Amino acid sequence: MKLVPYHRFEITSPLKRDEALAAVSSRIEERKWFRMRWPSSDNDERFDGTVTANSFNITRIMGYRNSFAPVVDGEVHDAGRFSRIVITMKPHVLVLALLPMLAIVLVAGLVGMGSFWPGLAMMALIYVMVLGGFWFEANKLEQTLRKIFQAM
């Protein structure tokens, strides 16, 4: 597990660029504000998001709630008979915006009360929660994407 919730990697696929985009597009459902959730292995290859001419932006449809799950940005490039897919996983932008604000409020409140160490321990706990939630999903997503694109 890396110490930063950010993962970038490449997949070489035997699929052509259009076939690779079609493979991911066939597993994308429309975005919904409310979705009934139920944990199941059927959810591993279900996504919501968008696909454009040479890229995609997706999130996995999970049967549970994980605010720290990665958002996947992918670029598909032609590479002769193959395609090269560059994938970037990072937390949702709202998570990245709210965590520093939470840390500032937490530290300011606890330092103002004269207790520094409990604030530091709380920040460490939040950091571990973010990393755990992110990397749990990122590892699962990487395996799923390698399967979808028939990675070599």
N, C-alpha and C. Protein backbone atom coordinates (compact mmCIF):
# COMPACT_ATOMS: atom_id res chain seq x y z
N MET A 1 0.85 -1.17 0.00
CA MET A 1 0.00 0.00 0.00
C MET A 1 0.90 1.25 0.00
N LYS A 2 0.63 2.14 -0.93
CA LYS A 2 1.37 3.39 -1.00
C LYS A 2 0.82 4.36 0.03
N LEU A 3 1.58 5.39 0.33
CA LEU A 3 1.18 6.35 1.36
C LEU A 3 0.33 7.51 0.83
N VAL A 4 0.04 7.50 -0.46
CA VAL A 4 -0.78 8.54 -1.08
C VAL A 4 -1.92 7.86 -1.83
N PRO A 5 -3.15 8.35 -1.69
CA PRO A 5 -4.27 7.72 -2.41
C PRO A 5 -4.31 8.17 -3.87
N TYR A 6 -3.37 7.67 -4.66
CA TYR A 6 -3.26 7.99 -6.08
C TYR A 6 -2.58 6.81 -6.74
N HIS A 7 -3.17 6.32 -7.84
CA HIS A 7 -2.61 5.14 -8.50
C HIS A 7 -2.69 5.35 -10.01
N ARG A 8 -1.54 5.26 -10.67
CA ARG A 8 -1.47 5.40 -12.13
C ARG A 8 -0.73 4.20 -12.68
N PHE A 9 -1.32 3.56 -13.69
CA PHE A 9 -0.69 2.40 -14.30
C PHE A 9 -1.16 2.27 -15.74
N GLU A 10 -0.50 1.39 -16.50
CA GLU A 10 -0.83 1.15 -17.90
C GLU A 10 -1.19 -0.31 -18.11
N ILE A 11 -2.12 -0.51 -19.03
CA ILE A 11 -2.52 -1.86 -19.42
C ILE A 11 -2.29 -1.98 -20.92
N THR A 12 -1.64 -3.04 -21.36
CA THR A 12 -1.54 -3.34 -22.78
C THR A 12 -2.59 -4.40 -23.08
N SER A 13 -3.48 -4.08 -24.00
CA SER A 13 -4.60 -4.96 -24.30
C SER A 13 -4.53 -5.44 -25.74
N PRO A 14 -4.90 -6.70 -25.98
CA PRO A 14 -4.95 -7.18 -27.36
C PRO A 14 -6.11 -6.59 -28.14
N LEU A 15 -7.02 -5.90 -27.46
CA LEU A 15 -8.16 -5.28 -28.12
C LEU A 15 -7.73 -4.00 -28.82
N LYS A 16 -8.33 -3.71 -29.95
CA LYS A 16 -8.12 -2.43 -30.62
C LYS A 16 -8.76 -1.33 -29.77
N ARG A 17 -8.43 -0.06 -30.07
CA ARG A 17 -8.93 1.06 -29.27
C ARG A 17 -10.45 1.06 -29.19
N ASP A 18 -11.13 0.90 -30.32
CA ASP A 18 -12.60 0.91 -30.33
C ASP A 18 -13.18 -0.28 -29.57
N GLU A 19 -12.53 -1.43 -29.70
CA GLU A 19 -13.00 -2.62 -28.97
C GLU A 19 -12.81 -2.45 -27.46
N ALA A 20 -11.72 -1.84 -27.06
CA ALA A 20 -11.46 -1.61 -25.64
C ALA A 20 -12.49 -0.64 -25.06
N LEU A 21 -12.79 0.43 -25.81
CA LEU A 21 -13.81 1.38 -25.34
C LEU A 21 -15.18 0.72 -25.29
N ALA A 22 -15.47 -0.15 -26.25
CA ALA A 22 -16.75 -0.86 -26.24
C ALA A 22 -16.82 -1.83 -25.06
N ALA A 23 -15.69 -2.45 -24.71
CA ALA A 23 -15.67 -3.39 -23.59
C ALA A 23 -16.02 -2.69 -22.28
N VAL A 24 -15.46 -1.52 -22.06
CA VAL A 24 -15.77 -0.80 -20.82
C VAL A 24 -17.16 -0.16 -20.92
N SER A 25 -17.53 0.29 -22.09
CA SER A 25 -18.84 0.94 -22.27
C SER A 25 -19.99 -0.04 -22.02
N SER A 26 -19.79 -1.31 -22.35
CA SER A 26 -20.85 -2.30 -22.16
C SER A 26 -21.14 -2.57 -20.69
N ARG A 27 -20.26 -2.15 -19.81
CA ARG A 27 -20.45 -2.38 -18.38
C ARG A 27 -20.87 -1.11 -17.63
N ILE A 28 -21.14 -0.04 -18.36
CA ILE A 28 -21.51 1.24 -17.73
C ILE A 28 -23.01 1.41 -17.73
N GLU A 29 -23.53 1.76 -16.57
CA GLU A 29 -24.95 2.07 -16.42
C GLU A 29 -25.09 3.58 -16.22
N GLU A 30 -26.29 4.08 -16.40
CA GLU A 30 -26.48 5.52 -16.26
C GLU A 30 -26.31 5.94 -14.80
N ARG A 31 -25.83 7.18 -14.62
CA ARG A 31 -25.63 7.70 -13.26
C ARG A 31 -26.97 7.96 -12.62
N LYS A 32 -27.08 7.57 -11.36
CA LYS A 32 -28.31 7.79 -10.59
C LYS A 32 -27.94 8.42 -9.27
N TRP A 33 -28.82 9.27 -8.77
CA TRP A 33 -28.61 9.89 -7.46
C TRP A 33 -28.87 8.89 -6.36
N PHE A 34 -29.83 8.01 -6.57
CA PHE A 34 -30.17 7.01 -5.57
C PHE A 34 -30.18 5.65 -6.24
N ARG A 35 -29.52 4.70 -5.65
CA ARG A 35 -29.44 3.35 -6.21
C ARG A 35 -29.56 2.37 -5.06
N MET A 36 -30.41 1.36 -5.24
CA MET A 36 -30.50 0.32 -4.23
C MET A 36 -29.17 -0.44 -4.21
N ARG A 37 -28.61 -0.63 -3.03
CA ARG A 37 -27.30 -1.27 -2.91
C ARG A 37 -27.45 -2.61 -2.19
N TRP A 38 -26.76 -3.59 -2.73
CA TRP A 38 -26.73 -4.88 -2.09
C TRP A 38 -25.38 -5.53 -2.41
N PRO A 39 -24.59 -5.88 -1.41
CA PRO A 39 -23.28 -6.49 -1.68
C PRO A 39 -23.40 -7.77 -2.48
N SER A 40 -22.68 -7.83 -3.60
CA SER A 40 -22.71 -9.00 -4.46
C SER A 40 -21.48 -8.98 -5.36
N SER A 41 -21.02 -10.16 -5.74
CA SER A 41 -19.89 -10.22 -6.67
C SER A 41 -20.30 -9.78 -8.07
N ASP A 42 -21.61 -9.70 -8.34
CA ASP A 42 -22.08 -9.19 -9.63
C ASP A 42 -21.73 -7.71 -9.81
N ASN A 43 -21.52 -7.01 -8.70
CA ASN A 43 -21.20 -5.58 -8.76
C ASN A 43 -19.77 -5.31 -9.19
N ASP A 44 -18.91 -6.30 -9.21
CA ASP A 44 -17.49 -6.08 -9.51
C ASP A 44 -17.27 -5.45 -10.88
N GLU A 45 -18.11 -5.78 -11.85
CA GLU A 45 -17.93 -5.25 -13.21
C GLU A 45 -19.03 -4.28 -13.61
N ARG A 46 -19.69 -3.67 -12.66
CA ARG A 46 -20.72 -2.66 -12.95
C ARG A 46 -20.16 -1.29 -12.61
N PHE A 47 -20.30 -0.36 -13.54
CA PHE A 47 -19.77 0.98 -13.37
C PHE A 47 -20.83 2.00 -13.76
N ASP A 48 -20.66 3.21 -13.25
CA ASP A 48 -21.39 4.34 -13.83
C ASP A 48 -20.35 5.36 -14.23
N GLY A 49 -20.67 6.12 -15.27
CA GLY A 49 -19.71 7.09 -15.77
C GLY A 49 -19.95 7.43 -17.22
N THR A 50 -18.89 7.89 -17.87
CA THR A 50 -18.99 8.31 -19.26
C THR A 50 -17.82 7.76 -20.07
N VAL A 51 -18.07 7.57 -21.36
CA VAL A 51 -17.05 7.14 -22.31
C VAL A 51 -17.07 8.13 -23.46
N THR A 52 -15.89 8.63 -23.85
CA THR A 52 -15.78 9.54 -24.99
C THR A 52 -15.02 8.83 -26.11
N ALA A 53 -14.59 9.57 -27.10
CA ALA A 53 -13.93 8.99 -28.27
C ALA A 53 -12.65 8.23 -27.93
N ASN A 54 -11.91 8.67 -26.92
CA ASN A 54 -10.66 7.96 -26.58
C ASN A 54 -10.39 7.92 -25.08
N SER A 55 -11.41 8.14 -24.27
CA SER A 55 -11.20 8.11 -22.82
C SER A 55 -12.48 7.69 -22.10
N PHE A 56 -12.34 7.46 -20.80
CA PHE A 56 -13.50 7.14 -19.98
C PHE A 56 -13.26 7.65 -18.56
N ASN A 57 -14.37 7.91 -17.87
CA ASN A 57 -14.35 8.34 -16.47
C ASN A 57 -15.43 7.53 -15.78
N ILE A 58 -15.03 6.63 -14.87
CA ILE A 58 -15.98 5.71 -14.26
C ILE A 58 -15.76 5.59 -12.76
N THR A 59 -16.80 5.15 -12.08
CA THR A 59 -16.72 4.72 -10.68
C THR A 59 -17.45 3.38 -10.59
N ARG A 60 -16.99 2.53 -9.71
CA ARG A 60 -17.61 1.21 -9.56
C ARG A 60 -18.91 1.34 -8.78
N ILE A 61 -19.92 0.60 -9.22
CA ILE A 61 -21.17 0.53 -8.47
C ILE A 61 -20.97 -0.53 -7.40
N MET A 62 -20.97 -0.09 -6.15
CA MET A 62 -20.69 -1.00 -5.04
C MET A 62 -21.99 -1.31 -4.29
N GLY A 63 -22.01 -2.41 -3.63
CA GLY A 63 -23.16 -2.79 -2.83
C GLY A 63 -23.05 -2.25 -1.41
N TYR A 64 -22.11 -1.36 -1.17
CA TYR A 64 -21.90 -0.78 0.14
C TYR A 64 -21.37 0.63 -0.06
N ARG A 65 -21.23 1.37 1.00
CA ARG A 65 -20.78 2.76 0.91
C ARG A 65 -19.30 2.85 1.25
N ASN A 66 -18.53 3.48 0.36
CA ASN A 66 -17.13 3.75 0.61
C ASN A 66 -16.83 5.11 0.01
N SER A 67 -16.81 6.13 0.83
CA SER A 67 -16.59 7.50 0.35
C SER A 67 -15.19 7.69 -0.21
N PHE A 68 -14.27 6.82 0.13
CA PHE A 68 -12.89 6.97 -0.30
C PHE A 68 -12.56 6.13 -1.53
N ALA A 69 -13.56 5.51 -2.13
CA ALA A 69 -13.34 4.70 -3.33
C ALA A 69 -12.84 5.58 -4.47
N PRO A 70 -11.96 5.03 -5.31
CA PRO A 70 -11.37 5.85 -6.37
C PRO A 70 -12.30 6.14 -7.54
N VAL A 71 -12.05 7.27 -8.16
CA VAL A 71 -12.64 7.63 -9.44
C VAL A 71 -11.59 7.25 -10.48
N VAL A 72 -12.01 6.58 -11.54
CA VAL A 72 -11.08 6.08 -12.54
C VAL A 72 -11.16 6.92 -13.81
N ASP A 73 -10.03 7.47 -14.22
CA ASP A 73 -9.90 8.16 -15.50
C ASP A 73 -9.01 7.30 -16.38
N GLY A 74 -9.47 7.01 -17.59
CA GLY A 74 -8.68 6.18 -18.49
C GLY A 74 -8.56 6.81 -19.87
N GLU A 75 -7.39 6.66 -20.45
CA GLU A 75 -7.14 7.10 -21.82
C GLU A 75 -6.74 5.88 -22.63
N VAL A 76 -7.37 5.70 -23.79
CA VAL A 76 -7.08 4.54 -24.62
C VAL A 76 -6.35 5.02 -25.87
N HIS A 77 -5.16 4.45 -26.10
CA HIS A 77 -4.33 4.84 -27.24
C HIS A 77 -4.10 3.63 -28.14
N ASP A 78 -4.03 3.88 -29.47
CA ASP A 78 -3.66 2.82 -30.40
C ASP A 78 -2.19 2.49 -30.23
N ALA A 79 -1.87 1.21 -30.31
CA ALA A 79 -0.48 0.77 -30.23
C ALA A 79 -0.29 -0.38 -31.21
N GLY A 80 -0.43 -0.07 -32.50
CA GLY A 80 -0.32 -1.11 -33.52
C GLY A 80 -1.52 -2.03 -33.48
N ARG A 81 -1.27 -3.33 -33.31
CA ARG A 81 -2.36 -4.29 -33.23
C ARG A 81 -3.02 -4.30 -31.85
N PHE A 82 -2.43 -3.59 -30.92
CA PHE A 82 -2.93 -3.57 -29.54
C PHE A 82 -3.45 -2.19 -29.19
N SER A 83 -3.83 -2.06 -27.95
CA SER A 83 -4.14 -0.73 -27.42
C SER A 83 -3.43 -0.58 -26.08
N ARG A 84 -3.10 0.64 -25.78
CA ARG A 84 -2.44 0.96 -24.51
C ARG A 84 -3.41 1.83 -23.73
N ILE A 85 -3.76 1.38 -22.53
CA ILE A 85 -4.73 2.07 -21.70
C ILE A 85 -3.99 2.63 -20.49
N VAL A 86 -4.03 3.94 -20.33
CA VAL A 86 -3.40 4.62 -19.20
C VAL A 86 -4.52 4.94 -18.20
N ILE A 87 -4.40 4.41 -17.02
CA ILE A 87 -5.45 4.55 -16.01
C ILE A 87 -4.92 5.32 -14.81
N THR A 88 -5.73 6.27 -14.34
CA THR A 88 -5.41 7.05 -13.15
C THR A 88 -6.57 6.89 -12.17
N MET A 89 -6.24 6.51 -10.95
CA MET A 89 -7.25 6.39 -9.88
C MET A 89 -6.91 7.39 -8.80
N LYS A 90 -7.93 8.13 -8.38
CA LYS A 90 -7.76 9.10 -7.30
C LYS A 90 -9.08 9.24 -6.58
N PRO A 91 -9.08 9.75 -5.34
CA PRO A 91 -10.34 9.94 -4.63
C PRO A 91 -11.18 11.02 -5.31
N HIS A 92 -12.45 11.01 -5.00
CA HIS A 92 -13.36 12.02 -5.53
C HIS A 92 -12.90 13.40 -5.08
N VAL A 93 -13.12 14.40 -5.91
CA VAL A 93 -12.64 15.76 -5.62
C VAL A 93 -13.24 16.32 -4.33
N LEU A 94 -14.47 15.96 -3.99
CA LEU A 94 -15.07 16.44 -2.74
C LEU A 94 -14.35 15.87 -1.51
N VAL A 95 -13.90 14.64 -1.61
CA VAL A 95 -13.13 14.04 -0.51
C VAL A 95 -11.82 14.80 -0.34
N LEU A 96 -11.16 15.09 -1.46
CA LEU A 96 -9.89 15.83 -1.40
C LEU A 96 -10.08 17.24 -0.85
N ALA A 97 -11.25 17.83 -1.07
CA ALA A 97 -11.51 19.18 -0.57
C ALA A 97 -11.91 19.17 0.91
N LEU A 98 -12.65 18.16 1.34
CA LEU A 98 -13.16 18.15 2.71
C LEU A 98 -12.14 17.68 3.74
N LEU A 99 -11.24 16.80 3.36
CA LEU A 99 -10.28 16.28 4.34
C LEU A 99 -9.35 17.34 4.92
N PRO A 100 -8.77 18.22 4.12
CA PRO A 100 -7.93 19.27 4.74
C PRO A 100 -8.73 20.20 5.65
N MET A 101 -9.97 20.51 5.25
CA MET A 101 -10.81 21.36 6.10
C MET A 101 -11.11 20.66 7.42
N LEU A 102 -11.40 19.36 7.37
CA LEU A 102 -11.65 18.60 8.59
C LEU A 102 -10.41 18.60 9.48
N ALA A 103 -9.24 18.43 8.90
CA ALA A 103 -8.00 18.41 9.68
C ALA A 103 -7.76 19.76 10.35
N ILE A 104 -7.99 20.85 9.63
CA ILE A 104 -7.78 22.19 10.20
C ILE A 104 -8.73 22.43 11.37
N VAL A 105 -9.99 22.09 11.19
CA VAL A 105 -10.98 22.29 12.25
C VAL A 105 -10.63 21.42 13.45
N LEU A 106 -10.25 20.19 13.20
CA LEU A 106 -9.91 19.27 14.29
C LEU A 106 -8.71 19.76 15.08
N VAL A 107 -7.65 20.13 14.38
CA VAL A 107 -6.45 20.61 15.06
C VAL A 107 -6.72 21.91 15.79
N ALA A 108 -7.40 22.84 15.15
CA ALA A 108 -7.69 24.13 15.79
C ALA A 108 -8.53 23.94 17.06
N GLY A 109 -9.52 23.07 16.97
CA GLY A 109 -10.38 22.83 18.14
C GLY A 109 -9.64 22.17 19.28
N LEU A 110 -8.84 21.17 18.98
CA LEU A 110 -8.15 20.45 20.04
C LEU A 110 -6.96 21.23 20.60
N VAL A 111 -6.26 21.96 19.74
CA VAL A 111 -5.16 22.79 20.25
C VAL A 111 -5.72 23.92 21.10
N GLY A 112 -6.87 24.45 20.69
CA GLY A 112 -7.51 25.50 21.47
C GLY A 112 -7.92 25.02 22.85
N MET A 113 -8.22 23.72 22.98
CA MET A 113 -8.58 23.16 24.27
C MET A 113 -7.34 22.72 25.05
N GLY A 114 -6.18 22.85 24.43
CA GLY A 114 -4.94 22.51 25.13
C GLY A 114 -4.52 21.07 25.01
N SER A 115 -5.10 20.32 24.07
CA SER A 115 -4.72 18.91 23.93
C SER A 115 -4.26 18.65 22.49
N PHE A 116 -2.98 18.51 22.32
CA PHE A 116 -2.39 18.33 20.99
C PHE A 116 -2.38 16.87 20.57
N TRP A 117 -2.00 15.95 21.46
CA TRP A 117 -1.83 14.55 21.09
C TRP A 117 -3.12 13.86 20.68
N PRO A 118 -4.25 14.09 21.32
CA PRO A 118 -5.48 13.46 20.82
C PRO A 118 -5.83 13.93 19.40
N GLY A 119 -5.54 15.20 19.08
CA GLY A 119 -5.79 15.70 17.74
C GLY A 119 -4.90 15.03 16.71
N LEU A 120 -3.65 14.83 17.08
CA LEU A 120 -2.73 14.15 16.18
C LEU A 120 -3.15 12.69 15.97
N ALA A 121 -3.59 12.04 17.03
CA ALA A 121 -4.05 10.66 16.92
C ALA A 121 -5.30 10.58 16.04
N MET A 122 -6.20 11.54 16.18
CA MET A 122 -7.42 11.57 15.36
C MET A 122 -7.08 11.78 13.89
N MET A 123 -6.13 12.66 13.61
CA MET A 123 -5.72 12.88 12.22
C MET A 123 -5.08 11.63 11.63
N ALA A 124 -4.30 10.92 12.43
CA ALA A 124 -3.68 9.68 11.97
C ALA A 124 -4.76 8.63 11.67
N LEU A 125 -5.78 8.56 12.50
CA LEU A 125 -6.88 7.62 12.28
C LEU A 125 -7.62 7.95 10.97
N ILE A 126 -7.89 9.21 10.73
CA ILE A 126 -8.56 9.62 9.50
C ILE A 126 -7.70 9.27 8.29
N TYR A 127 -6.40 9.52 8.38
CA TYR A 127 -5.47 9.21 7.30
C TYR A 127 -5.48 7.71 6.98
N VAL A 128 -5.45 6.88 8.00
CA VAL A 128 -5.48 5.43 7.82
C VAL A 128 -6.81 4.99 7.20
N MET A 129 -7.91 5.61 7.61
CA MET A 129 -9.22 5.28 7.03
C MET A 129 -9.26 5.62 5.55
N VAL A 130 -8.73 6.78 5.18
CA VAL A 130 -8.71 7.19 3.77
C VAL A 130 -7.88 6.20 2.96
N LEU A 131 -6.67 5.91 3.42
CA LEU A 131 -5.81 4.99 2.68
C LEU A 131 -6.42 3.59 2.58
N GLY A 132 -6.95 3.10 3.68
CA GLY A 132 -7.56 1.77 3.67
C GLY A 132 -8.73 1.68 2.71
N GLY A 133 -9.64 2.65 2.78
CA GLY A 133 -10.80 2.65 1.88
C GLY A 133 -10.40 2.78 0.42
N PHE A 134 -9.42 3.64 0.15
CA PHE A 134 -8.99 3.85 -1.23
C PHE A 134 -8.29 2.61 -1.79
N TRP A 135 -7.28 2.09 -1.08
CA TRP A 135 -6.49 1.00 -1.62
C TRP A 135 -7.25 -0.32 -1.67
N PHE A 136 -8.21 -0.52 -0.78
CA PHE A 136 -9.05 -1.71 -0.84
C PHE A 136 -9.76 -1.75 -2.19
N GLU A 137 -10.37 -0.63 -2.57
CA GLU A 137 -11.10 -0.56 -3.84
C GLU A 137 -10.16 -0.47 -5.04
N ALA A 138 -9.05 0.26 -4.92
CA ALA A 138 -8.14 0.43 -6.05
C ALA A 138 -7.56 -0.92 -6.50
N ASN A 139 -7.19 -1.76 -5.57
CA ASN A 139 -6.65 -3.08 -5.93
C ASN A 139 -7.71 -3.92 -6.62
N LYS A 140 -8.93 -3.89 -6.10
CA LYS A 140 -10.02 -4.64 -6.71
C LYS A 140 -10.32 -4.10 -8.12
N LEU A 141 -10.33 -2.79 -8.27
CA LEU A 141 -10.59 -2.17 -9.56
C LEU A 141 -9.51 -2.50 -10.58
N GLU A 142 -8.26 -2.49 -10.17
CA GLU A 142 -7.18 -2.80 -11.11
C GLU A 142 -7.34 -4.21 -11.67
N GLN A 143 -7.64 -5.17 -10.83
CA GLN A 143 -7.84 -6.54 -11.29
C GLN A 143 -9.03 -6.63 -12.24
N THR A 144 -10.11 -5.94 -11.91
CA THR A 144 -11.30 -5.95 -12.75
C THR A 144 -11.02 -5.33 -14.11
N LEU A 145 -10.32 -4.20 -14.14
CA LEU A 145 -10.01 -3.55 -15.41
C LEU A 145 -9.06 -4.41 -16.25
N ARG A 146 -8.11 -5.07 -15.63
CA ARG A 146 -7.22 -5.97 -16.38
C ARG A 146 -8.02 -7.10 -17.01
N LYS A 147 -9.02 -7.59 -16.31
CA LYS A 147 -9.88 -8.66 -16.84
C LYS A 147 -10.73 -8.13 -18.00
N ILE A 148 -11.32 -6.96 -17.84
CA ILE A 148 -12.17 -6.38 -18.89
C ILE A 148 -11.38 -6.15 -20.17
N PHE A 149 -10.16 -5.61 -20.04
CA PHE A 149 -9.34 -5.30 -21.21
C PHE A 149 -8.46 -6.46 -21.66
N GLN A 150 -8.64 -7.63 -21.06
CA GLN A 150 -7.88 -8.83 -21.41
C GLN A 150 -6.38 -8.54 -21.41
N ALA A 151 -5.92 -7.98 -20.29
CA ALA A 151 -4.54 -7.51 -20.17
C ALA A 151 -3.53 -8.61 -20.42
N MET A 152 -2.40 -8.18 -20.93
CA MET A 152 -1.31 -9.12 -21.21
C MET A 152 -0.28 -9.04 -20.11
